[in-house]
Amino acid sequence: MRAEAQAHIDSIHESLALVRRFLDWDRALRRLDELNARVEDPTLWNDAKAAQAVMRERRRLDEAIAATRAIEQELNDTAELIELADAEGDAAMADEGVADLARLAARANDDKVKALLAGEADGNDTYVEVNAGAGGTESQDWAGMLSRMYTRWAERRGLKVELIDQHSGEQAGIKSATLLLKGENAYGYAKTESGVHRLVRISPYDSAARRHTSFASVWVYPVIDDNIEVDVNESDLRIDTYRASGAGGQHINTTDSAVRITHLPTGIVVQCQNQRSQHKNKAEAYNQLRARLYERELSIREAAANAENATKTDIGWGHQIRSYVLQPYQLVKDLRTGVTSTAPGDVLDGALDPFMAAALSQRVTGEQVDVEDVD
């Protein structure tokens, strides 16, 4: 077997092994049999909500198991075809088989990522909150670049993007922004982006053309739908209204239409000013609060398992999850997984899928990578 073909085969085996490990393969097969039996029970739909949950779980398991089996079969068939072609000296057939393996490896990786999106809220829409770190204009410009990066990533995936709230910087960029990304598995894909992001570049705002390091934090939390229950006591809330600062016409800028809600027990603060109506802004801010409280509970669970929660650290040195170096060389490095890109322009234009896929896989394997930061 030629080396190129073997590399694709190894990649496919790695993807399939991760899916099997994540699903707990034997347990998943038994569970699918149980769910198929429940679907045949005519009393299932006496409780519509429970029935929908059963159907969602059944569909997810069935799709993951079927996809894994299909790839395994195609892998075996293609590998046999290449071996036969090599034995008969048919180089054209062997080359075609290697190309098929390359496509199959890409498909296996895509299916792997989809299978990993099995969390309670992974299929939901998501909020992406970006905050500039210390450093004034430099960090605010960097936060604006990150906000654009996630907008471009969402557009590449066919997600709809809404700007919920934004506070502009004094000279450039933003102090903070909250995006709402709508579409299938928006939270599942984006959730690994929470953390501190570091930029190294020659500053366009420095007349001496010195190299600057800037930080900004990203926080991703899911939109809560009817399938997830989050209780909020009204007595725990402080609701403030204020004059919106963003664009939006005379009405939005001259009335106290913006709304800020503070959850007193946790100190969580959410705000919305993108609607002309105070009532609509309040409703959106309340939705954000429920999402933040739910994400907080998820973080507590994960912190208990991992003894660390990277999304709650300071915005500065030692806490970053990814570094983006634009000068003196060009490199983006994820400090959790070791995944790199020598095309930061593409990454900042939304090419984030390899970083997300690796981080999702790491959550399953639990393997820690010793990665040195870049200067």
Protein backbone atom coordinates (compact mmCIF):
# COMPACT_ATOMS: atom_id res chain seq x y z
CA MET A 1 0.00 0.00 0.00
CA ARG A 2 1.45 3.36 -1.04
CA ALA A 3 2.22 5.83 1.73
CA GLU A 4 -0.38 8.40 0.65
CA ALA A 5 -3.16 5.83 0.75
CA GLN A 6 -2.02 4.55 4.15
CA ALA A 7 -2.05 8.10 5.55
CA HIS A 8 -5.68 8.52 4.48
CA ILE A 9 -6.58 5.11 5.93
CA ASP A 10 -4.96 6.01 9.25
CA SER A 11 -6.88 9.31 9.33
CA ILE A 12 -10.17 7.52 8.68
CA HIS A 13 -9.47 4.92 11.38
CA GLU A 14 -8.67 7.73 13.83
CA SER A 15 -11.96 9.50 13.09
CA LEU A 16 -14.00 6.31 13.37
CA ALA A 17 -12.28 5.30 16.61
CA LEU A 18 -13.09 8.67 18.17
CA VAL A 19 -16.76 8.39 17.16
CA ARG A 20 -16.99 4.87 18.58
CA ARG A 21 -15.36 6.03 21.81
CA PHE A 22 -17.62 9.03 22.09
CA LEU A 23 -20.79 7.03 21.44
CA ASP A 24 -19.68 4.14 23.65
CA TRP A 25 -20.40 1.93 20.66
CA ASP A 26 -21.89 -1.18 22.26
CA ARG A 27 -24.05 0.90 24.59
CA ALA A 28 -25.16 3.06 21.64
CA LEU A 29 -26.27 -0.01 19.69
CA ARG A 30 -28.30 -1.28 22.64
CA ARG A 31 -29.78 2.18 23.20
CA LEU A 32 -30.81 2.47 19.56
CA ASP A 33 -32.64 -0.86 19.81
CA GLU A 34 -34.44 0.43 22.90
CA LEU A 35 -35.43 3.66 21.16
CA ASN A 36 -36.66 1.82 18.07
CA ALA A 37 -38.86 -0.30 20.31
CA ARG A 38 -40.24 2.80 22.03
CA VAL A 39 -41.09 4.40 18.70
CA GLU A 40 -43.26 1.38 17.92
CA ASP A 41 -45.22 1.93 21.15
CA PRO A 42 -48.50 3.70 20.27
CA THR A 43 -48.65 5.33 23.72
CA LEU A 44 -45.39 7.21 23.13
CA TRP A 45 -47.15 10.31 21.81
CA ASN A 46 -49.38 10.60 24.86
CA ASP A 47 -46.57 12.84 26.11
CA ALA A 48 -45.56 14.94 23.10
CA LYS A 49 -42.52 16.54 24.74
CA ALA A 50 -41.11 13.19 25.85
CA ALA A 51 -41.83 11.72 22.42
CA GLN A 52 -39.94 14.50 20.69
CA ALA A 53 -36.95 13.91 22.97
CA VAL A 54 -37.03 10.20 22.09
CA MET A 55 -37.20 10.98 18.37
CA ARG A 56 -34.28 13.42 18.57
CA GLU A 57 -32.08 10.93 20.41
CA ARG A 58 -33.05 8.13 18.06
CA ARG A 59 -32.30 10.23 14.97
CA ARG A 60 -28.91 11.31 16.33
CA LEU A 61 -27.82 7.77 17.20
CA ASP A 62 -29.18 6.28 13.98
CA GLU A 63 -27.39 8.85 11.83
CA ALA A 64 -24.08 8.48 13.67
CA ILE A 65 -24.14 4.67 13.60
CA ALA A 66 -25.22 4.49 9.97
CA ALA A 67 -22.58 6.99 8.87
CA THR A 68 -19.85 5.09 10.73
CA ARG A 69 -20.84 1.77 9.21
CA ALA A 70 -21.06 3.25 5.72
CA ILE A 71 -17.56 4.72 5.95
CA GLU A 72 -16.14 1.46 7.29
CA GLN A 73 -17.63 -0.43 4.34
CA GLU A 74 -16.39 2.09 1.77
CA LEU A 75 -12.96 2.06 3.39
CA ASN A 76 -12.68 -1.70 3.10
CA ASP A 77 -13.89 -1.70 -0.51
CA THR A 78 -11.56 1.09 -1.58
CA ALA A 79 -8.51 -0.37 0.18
CA GLU A 80 -9.12 -3.72 -1.55
CA LEU A 81 -9.47 -1.92 -4.89
CA ILE A 82 -6.12 -0.15 -4.44
CA GLU A 83 -4.36 -3.38 -3.46
CA LEU A 84 -5.80 -5.10 -6.53
CA ALA A 85 -4.78 -2.20 -8.78
CA ASP A 86 -1.23 -2.23 -7.39
CA ALA A 87 -1.00 -5.99 -7.86
CA GLU A 88 -2.11 -5.67 -11.50
CA GLY A 89 0.03 -2.61 -12.17
CA ASP A 90 -2.99 -0.42 -12.98
CA ALA A 91 -1.65 2.97 -11.87
CA ALA A 92 -4.74 4.89 -13.04
CA MET A 93 -7.08 2.74 -10.97
CA ALA A 94 -4.79 3.00 -7.96
CA ASP A 95 -4.66 6.80 -8.28
CA GLU A 96 -8.44 6.93 -8.45
CA GLY A 97 -8.64 4.79 -5.32
CA VAL A 98 -6.28 7.10 -3.44
CA ALA A 99 -8.40 10.10 -4.47
CA ASP A 100 -11.48 8.26 -3.18
CA LEU A 101 -9.71 7.67 0.12
CA ALA A 102 -8.89 11.37 0.42
CA ARG A 103 -12.54 12.26 -0.07
CA LEU A 104 -13.57 9.54 2.38
CA ALA A 105 -11.11 10.87 5.00
CA ALA A 106 -12.63 14.35 4.69
CA ARG A 107 -16.12 12.89 5.01
CA ALA A 108 -15.11 10.83 8.04
CA ASN A 109 -13.76 13.96 9.71
CA ASP A 110 -16.99 15.86 8.99
CA ASP A 111 -19.09 12.99 10.32
CA LYS A 112 -16.86 12.81 13.40
CA VAL A 113 -17.50 16.47 14.20
CA LYS A 114 -21.25 16.05 13.67
CA ALA A 115 -21.31 13.03 15.97
CA LEU A 116 -19.52 15.01 18.68
CA LEU A 117 -22.29 17.62 18.65
CA ALA A 118 -24.51 15.65 20.98
CA GLY A 119 -24.72 17.97 23.96
CA GLU A 120 -28.07 19.09 25.30
CA ALA A 121 -27.79 22.50 23.63
CA ASP A 122 -25.34 21.80 20.80
CA GLY A 123 -28.02 22.05 18.13
CA ASN A 124 -29.19 25.46 19.35
CA ASP A 125 -28.53 28.99 18.18
CA THR A 126 -25.78 30.75 20.10
CA TYR A 127 -24.62 34.07 21.45
CA VAL A 128 -21.00 35.09 20.89
CA GLU A 129 -19.81 37.85 23.19
CA VAL A 130 -16.52 39.66 22.47
CA ASN A 131 -14.83 41.97 25.00
CA ALA A 132 -11.67 44.02 24.56
CA GLY A 133 -8.94 43.56 27.14
CA ALA A 134 -6.73 46.24 28.64
CA GLY A 135 -4.83 48.35 26.15
CA GLY A 136 -7.27 50.90 24.80
CA THR A 137 -7.40 51.33 21.04
CA GLU A 138 -5.17 48.33 20.29
CA SER A 139 -7.36 45.85 22.16
CA GLN A 140 -10.58 47.49 20.97
CA ASP A 141 -9.45 47.17 17.36
CA TRP A 142 -8.56 43.52 18.02
CA ALA A 143 -12.01 42.90 19.53
CA GLY A 144 -13.56 44.39 16.39
CA MET A 145 -11.46 42.04 14.25
CA LEU A 146 -12.65 39.06 16.29
CA SER A 147 -16.28 40.14 15.98
CA ARG A 148 -15.85 40.27 12.20
CA MET A 149 -14.07 36.86 12.24
CA TYR A 150 -17.03 35.16 13.88
CA THR A 151 -19.45 36.94 11.58
CA ARG A 152 -17.52 35.65 8.55
CA TRP A 153 -17.31 32.14 10.01
CA ALA A 154 -21.06 32.11 10.56
CA GLU A 155 -21.70 33.33 7.02
CA ARG A 156 -19.46 30.56 5.64
CA ARG A 157 -21.58 27.99 7.48
CA GLY A 158 -24.82 29.54 6.28
CA LEU A 159 -25.77 30.85 9.71
CA LYS A 160 -27.77 34.03 10.17
CA VAL A 161 -26.02 36.75 12.19
CA GLU A 162 -27.72 39.41 14.30
CA LEU A 163 -25.91 42.15 16.24
CA ILE A 164 -27.58 42.24 19.65
CA ASP A 165 -25.44 44.82 21.39
CA GLN A 166 -22.28 46.76 20.62
CA HIS A 167 -20.22 49.45 22.35
CA SER A 168 -17.78 51.14 19.99
CA GLY A 169 -14.22 52.06 20.89
CA GLU A 170 -13.13 55.66 21.21
CA GLN A 171 -10.94 55.62 18.08
CA ALA A 172 -11.44 52.22 16.46
CA GLY A 173 -12.92 48.80 17.02
CA ILE A 174 -15.27 47.92 19.85
CA LYS A 175 -15.22 47.71 23.61
CA SER A 176 -17.73 44.86 23.48
CA ALA A 177 -20.24 43.23 21.18
CA THR A 178 -22.80 40.43 21.38
CA LEU A 179 -23.67 38.48 18.24
CA LEU A 180 -26.57 36.07 17.85
CA LEU A 181 -25.78 33.25 15.43
CA LYS A 182 -28.80 31.32 14.19
CA GLY A 183 -28.65 27.96 12.49
CA GLU A 184 -28.15 24.23 12.95
CA ASN A 185 -25.51 23.32 15.56
CA ALA A 186 -24.40 26.94 15.93
CA TYR A 187 -23.60 26.51 19.63
CA GLY A 188 -22.09 23.06 19.19
CA TYR A 189 -19.49 24.32 16.73
CA ALA A 190 -18.77 27.67 18.36
CA LYS A 191 -18.65 26.63 22.03
CA THR A 192 -14.95 25.76 21.94
CA GLU A 193 -14.09 29.39 21.07
CA SER A 194 -14.67 30.65 24.62
CA GLY A 195 -11.48 32.04 26.09
CA VAL A 196 -8.83 34.72 25.62
CA HIS A 197 -7.45 35.43 22.15
CA ARG A 198 -4.05 37.13 21.72
CA LEU A 199 -2.87 39.23 18.77
CA VAL A 200 0.73 40.17 17.96
CA ARG A 201 1.30 42.71 15.17
CA ILE A 202 2.93 45.97 14.15
CA SER A 203 0.40 48.49 15.37
CA PRO A 204 -1.27 50.65 12.71
CA TYR A 205 -1.84 53.19 15.50
CA ASP A 206 1.81 53.46 16.53
CA SER A 207 3.78 56.08 14.57
CA ALA A 208 7.00 54.32 15.62
CA ALA A 209 5.76 51.06 14.01
CA ARG A 210 6.43 49.01 17.11
CA ARG A 211 5.11 45.53 17.71
CA HIS A 212 2.12 45.35 20.08
CA THR A 213 0.37 42.50 21.88
CA SER A 214 -3.37 42.79 22.40
CA PHE A 215 -5.94 40.62 24.14
CA ALA A 216 -9.69 40.13 23.84
CA SER A 217 -12.02 37.57 25.38
CA VAL A 218 -14.71 35.54 23.67
CA TRP A 219 -17.63 33.99 25.51
CA VAL A 220 -20.03 31.61 23.78
CA TYR A 221 -23.33 30.54 25.35
CA PRO A 222 -26.39 28.83 23.85
CA VAL A 223 -29.84 30.22 23.17
CA ILE A 224 -32.27 28.45 25.46
CA ASP A 225 -35.25 26.81 23.78
CA ASP A 226 -38.34 25.09 25.17
CA ASN A 227 -36.42 21.84 25.63
CA ILE A 228 -34.20 23.36 28.35
CA GLU A 229 -35.62 24.64 31.60
CA VAL A 230 -33.95 27.58 33.35
CA ASP A 231 -35.75 29.13 36.31
CA VAL A 232 -35.17 32.83 37.00
CA ASN A 233 -36.69 34.58 40.01
CA GLU A 234 -37.85 38.09 39.20
CA SER A 235 -36.81 39.21 42.70
CA ASP A 236 -33.20 38.36 41.80
CA LEU A 237 -33.15 40.86 38.92
CA ARG A 238 -32.28 44.54 38.70
CA ILE A 239 -33.52 46.08 35.45
CA ASP A 240 -32.12 49.40 34.23
CA THR A 241 -32.97 51.37 31.12
CA TYR A 242 -30.66 53.82 29.38
CA ARG A 243 -30.23 55.69 26.14
CA ALA A 244 -28.95 53.52 23.31
CA SER A 245 -25.53 54.53 22.02
CA GLY A 246 -25.45 52.73 18.70
CA ALA A 247 -26.79 53.62 15.31
CA GLY A 248 -30.45 53.18 14.68
CA GLY A 249 -32.07 56.48 13.86
CA GLN A 250 -33.42 59.37 15.86
CA HIS A 251 -35.90 57.38 17.96
CA ILE A 252 -33.48 54.77 19.27
CA ASN A 253 -30.91 57.42 20.15
CA THR A 254 -33.20 59.84 21.97
CA THR A 255 -35.23 57.52 24.20
CA ASP A 256 -34.27 55.17 27.03
CA SER A 257 -34.90 52.11 24.88
CA ALA A 258 -31.80 50.12 25.84
CA VAL A 259 -32.15 47.62 28.69
CA ARG A 260 -29.61 46.21 31.14
CA ILE A 261 -30.48 43.29 33.43
CA THR A 262 -28.32 42.33 36.41
CA HIS A 263 -28.75 38.93 38.04
CA LEU A 264 -27.94 39.79 41.64
CA PRO A 265 -27.02 36.33 43.00
CA THR A 266 -24.38 35.72 40.30
CA GLY A 267 -23.50 39.25 39.19
CA ILE A 268 -24.21 38.35 35.56
CA VAL A 269 -25.06 41.44 33.49
CA VAL A 270 -26.72 41.37 30.07
CA GLN A 271 -27.90 44.20 27.89
CA CYS A 272 -29.60 44.85 24.57
CA GLN A 273 -30.07 48.02 22.54
CA ASN A 274 -30.56 46.85 18.97
CA GLN A 275 -34.36 47.23 18.95
CA ARG A 276 -36.31 50.51 18.94
CA SER A 277 -38.75 49.09 21.46
CA GLN A 278 -37.76 48.92 25.12
CA HIS A 279 -40.10 45.96 25.49
CA LYS A 280 -38.29 44.01 22.74
CA ASN A 281 -34.89 44.90 24.15
CA LYS A 282 -36.00 43.68 27.57
CA ALA A 283 -37.25 40.39 26.12
CA GLU A 284 -33.96 39.83 24.25
CA ALA A 285 -31.90 40.72 27.33
CA TYR A 286 -33.97 38.26 29.38
CA ASN A 287 -33.27 35.54 26.81
CA GLN A 288 -29.57 36.32 27.07
CA LEU A 289 -29.74 36.06 30.85
CA ARG A 290 -31.35 32.62 30.74
CA ALA A 291 -28.67 31.54 28.26
CA ARG A 292 -25.87 32.90 30.45
CA LEU A 293 -27.25 31.12 33.52
CA TYR A 294 -27.49 27.87 31.58
CA GLU A 295 -23.95 28.26 30.26
CA ARG A 296 -22.78 28.98 33.79
CA GLU A 297 -24.24 25.67 34.93
CA LEU A 298 -22.53 23.87 32.03
CA SER A 299 -19.24 25.53 32.94
CA ILE A 300 -19.58 24.46 36.56
CA ARG A 301 -20.11 20.87 35.47
CA GLU A 302 -17.13 20.99 33.12
CA ALA A 303 -14.95 22.69 35.71
CA ALA A 304 -15.77 19.91 38.16
CA ALA A 305 -14.64 17.36 35.60
CA ASN A 306 -11.56 19.21 34.33
CA ALA A 307 -10.59 21.18 37.47
CA GLU A 308 -10.35 24.27 35.32
CA ASN A 309 -12.67 26.67 33.51
CA ALA A 310 -10.77 28.70 30.94
CA THR A 311 -13.63 31.05 30.18
CA LYS A 312 -13.53 32.69 33.60
CA THR A 313 -9.92 33.85 33.58
CA ASP A 314 -8.40 37.28 33.27
CA ILE A 315 -8.03 38.82 29.82
CA GLY A 316 -4.25 38.75 29.65
CA TRP A 317 -1.02 36.77 29.67
CA GLY A 318 -1.14 33.11 30.57
CA HIS A 319 -4.85 32.65 29.93
CA GLN A 320 -5.10 32.72 26.15
CA ILE A 321 -6.44 29.80 24.14
CA ARG A 322 -5.11 30.98 20.78
CA SER A 323 -2.41 33.32 19.51
CA TYR A 324 -2.53 35.19 16.19
CA VAL A 325 0.87 36.48 15.05
CA LEU A 326 0.91 38.83 12.05
CA GLN A 327 4.49 40.16 12.45
CA PRO A 328 7.36 39.37 12.16
CA TYR A 329 5.98 36.11 10.73
CA GLN A 330 2.46 34.81 10.18
CA LEU A 331 1.08 32.05 12.36
CA VAL A 332 -2.08 31.19 14.26
CA LYS A 333 -1.60 28.60 17.00
CA ASP A 334 -4.21 27.03 19.27
CA LEU A 335 -2.61 26.58 22.66
CA ARG A 336 -4.95 23.75 23.68
CA THR A 337 -4.70 21.41 20.70
CA GLY A 338 -1.54 22.53 18.89
CA VAL A 339 -3.43 23.14 15.63
CA THR A 340 -1.73 25.85 13.57
CA SER A 341 -2.31 27.88 10.43
CA THR A 342 0.24 29.90 8.46
CA ALA A 343 -2.56 31.88 6.82
CA PRO A 344 -3.89 34.20 9.56
CA GLY A 345 -5.70 36.23 6.94
CA ASP A 346 -7.85 33.22 6.14
CA VAL A 347 -8.45 32.48 9.83
CA LEU A 348 -9.50 36.07 10.50
CA ASP A 349 -11.81 35.75 7.52
CA GLY A 350 -13.62 32.88 9.23
CA ALA A 351 -11.60 29.72 8.48
CA LEU A 352 -12.07 28.33 11.98
CA ASP A 353 -13.38 24.81 11.35
CA PRO A 354 -10.05 22.97 11.87
CA PHE A 355 -9.56 24.67 15.25
CA MET A 356 -13.12 23.87 16.33
CA ALA A 357 -12.92 20.24 15.19
CA ALA A 358 -9.68 19.65 17.09
CA ALA A 359 -11.04 21.25 20.27
CA LEU A 360 -14.22 19.17 20.08
CA SER A 361 -12.15 16.00 19.68
CA GLN A 362 -9.97 16.95 22.63
CA ARG A 363 -13.06 17.18 24.83
CA VAL A 364 -13.72 13.51 24.08
CA THR A 365 -10.18 12.16 24.39
CA GLY A 366 -9.21 14.34 27.34
CA GLU A 367 -5.67 14.35 25.96
CA GLN A 368 -3.67 17.44 26.91
CA VAL A 369 -1.15 18.77 24.38
CA ASP A 370 2.01 20.49 25.60
CA VAL A 371 2.02 23.53 23.33
CA GLU A 372 4.40 26.46 23.63
CA ASP A 373 3.02 29.90 22.90
CA VAL A 374 4.38 31.89 19.97
CA ASP A 375 6.17 35.21 20.39
